[in-house]
């Protein structure tokens, strides 16, 4: 897993939790004051093993659990989240304008 500070709209990130791996997708950046940070959509489920790209594509295309702002650069820098350069799937309603 990579912890590069490079991030792109549509990137999928992994978060290890006590329930297993969880995933979220980076959808927007709110940089105007007040700087809210990165908007993410938290994807469905917890997984004991890392899903294959095909399965992850299915997960990304399901409705999300919720959306929330996150200081994503900080989370990447502190190695709280990981990206494996998953393909950039962007859920239809989550596309940036």
Protein backbone atom coordinates (compact mmCIF):
# COMPACT_ATOMS: atom_id res chain seq x y z
CA UNK A 1 0.00 0.00 0.00
CA UNK A 2 1.20 3.46 -0.86
CA UNK A 3 1.12 6.46 1.46
CA UNK A 4 2.00 9.09 -1.14
CA UNK A 5 0.47 12.52 -0.58
CA UNK A 6 -0.74 12.39 -4.18
CA UNK A 7 -4.49 12.03 -4.31
CA UNK A 8 -7.02 12.40 -7.10
CA UNK A 9 -10.78 12.75 -7.13
CA UNK A 10 -12.13 9.21 -7.41
CA UNK A 11 -9.29 7.51 -5.52
CA UNK A 12 -10.33 4.70 -3.18
CA UNK A 13 -8.62 4.40 0.21
CA UNK A 14 -8.42 1.57 2.74
CA UNK A 15 -8.72 1.95 6.50
CA UNK A 16 -7.77 -0.95 8.79
CA UNK A 17 -10.33 -1.22 11.62
CA UNK A 18 -11.04 -3.66 14.44
CA UNK A 19 -13.88 -5.04 12.27
CA UNK A 20 -11.69 -5.50 9.18
CA UNK A 21 -10.80 -3.36 6.19
CA UNK A 22 -13.13 -0.46 5.38
CA UNK A 23 -13.05 1.65 2.23
CA UNK A 24 -13.89 5.19 1.21
CA UNK A 25 -13.75 7.20 -1.99
CA UNK A 26 -12.39 10.75 -2.28
CA UNK A 27 -15.00 12.78 -4.17
CA UNK A 28 -14.47 16.54 -3.70
CA UNK A 29 -12.04 19.08 -2.22
CA UNK A 30 -13.49 22.08 -0.40
CA UNK A 31 -10.60 24.56 -0.31
CA UNK A 32 -12.52 27.84 -0.04
CA UNK A 33 -12.85 29.39 3.42
CA UNK A 34 -13.90 27.84 5.64
CA UNK A 35 -11.57 25.06 4.51
CA UNK A 36 -13.62 21.94 5.18
CA UNK A 37 -11.11 19.62 3.54
CA UNK A 38 -11.73 16.49 1.50
CA UNK A 39 -15.24 15.10 1.07
CA UNK A 40 -15.31 11.32 1.15
CA UNK A 41 -18.05 8.74 0.68
CA UNK A 42 -17.72 5.86 3.12
CA UNK A 43 -18.43 2.62 1.30
CA UNK A 44 -20.51 -0.33 2.49
CA UNK A 45 -19.11 -3.10 4.66
CA UNK A 46 -16.06 -4.37 6.50
CA UNK A 47 -13.84 -7.01 4.91
CA UNK A 48 -11.57 -9.60 6.57
CA UNK A 49 -9.42 -9.76 3.44
CA UNK A 50 -8.65 -7.13 0.83
CA UNK A 51 -11.19 -7.42 -2.03
CA UNK A 52 -9.98 -8.00 -5.59
CA UNK A 53 -10.38 -5.03 -7.95
CA UNK A 54 -13.54 -6.51 -9.49
CA UNK A 55 -15.20 -6.84 -6.08
CA UNK A 56 -14.03 -3.38 -5.07
CA UNK A 57 -15.60 -2.01 -8.25
CA UNK A 58 -18.92 -3.52 -7.14
CA UNK A 59 -18.52 -2.00 -3.67
CA UNK A 60 -17.76 1.44 -5.12
CA UNK A 61 -20.84 1.32 -7.34
CA UNK A 62 -23.19 0.58 -4.41
CA UNK A 63 -24.82 3.40 -2.44
CA UNK A 64 -22.47 4.72 0.23
CA UNK A 65 -23.06 4.50 3.99
CA UNK A 66 -22.51 8.23 4.50
CA UNK A 67 -20.39 11.19 3.39
CA UNK A 68 -18.12 13.24 5.62
CA UNK A 69 -15.34 15.81 5.41
CA UNK A 70 -11.87 14.58 6.32
CA UNK A 71 -8.44 16.20 6.36
CA UNK A 72 -7.23 13.53 3.94
CA UNK A 73 -3.67 14.85 3.47
CA UNK A 74 -3.13 14.54 7.22
CA UNK A 75 -4.62 11.03 7.34
CA UNK A 76 -2.32 9.94 4.49
CA UNK A 77 0.74 11.56 6.08
CA UNK A 78 0.03 9.90 9.44
CA UNK A 79 -0.50 6.53 7.70
CA UNK A 80 -4.06 6.27 9.00
CA UNK A 81 -5.37 5.45 5.51
CA UNK A 82 -3.83 3.65 2.55
CA UNK A 83 -4.23 3.76 -1.20
CA UNK A 84 -3.20 0.94 -3.49
CA UNK A 85 -3.67 2.99 -6.66
CA UNK A 86 -7.04 1.33 -7.17
CA UNK A 87 -8.62 2.19 -10.50
CA UNK A 88 -10.40 5.53 -10.34
CA UNK A 89 -14.04 4.54 -10.21
CA UNK A 90 -16.31 7.50 -9.70
CA UNK A 91 -19.85 6.75 -8.63
CA UNK A 92 -22.29 8.64 -10.87
CA UNK A 93 -23.65 11.04 -8.26
CA UNK A 94 -20.21 11.66 -6.76
CA UNK A 95 -18.58 13.16 -9.87
CA UNK A 96 -16.95 16.52 -9.32
CA UNK A 97 -18.55 19.41 -11.24
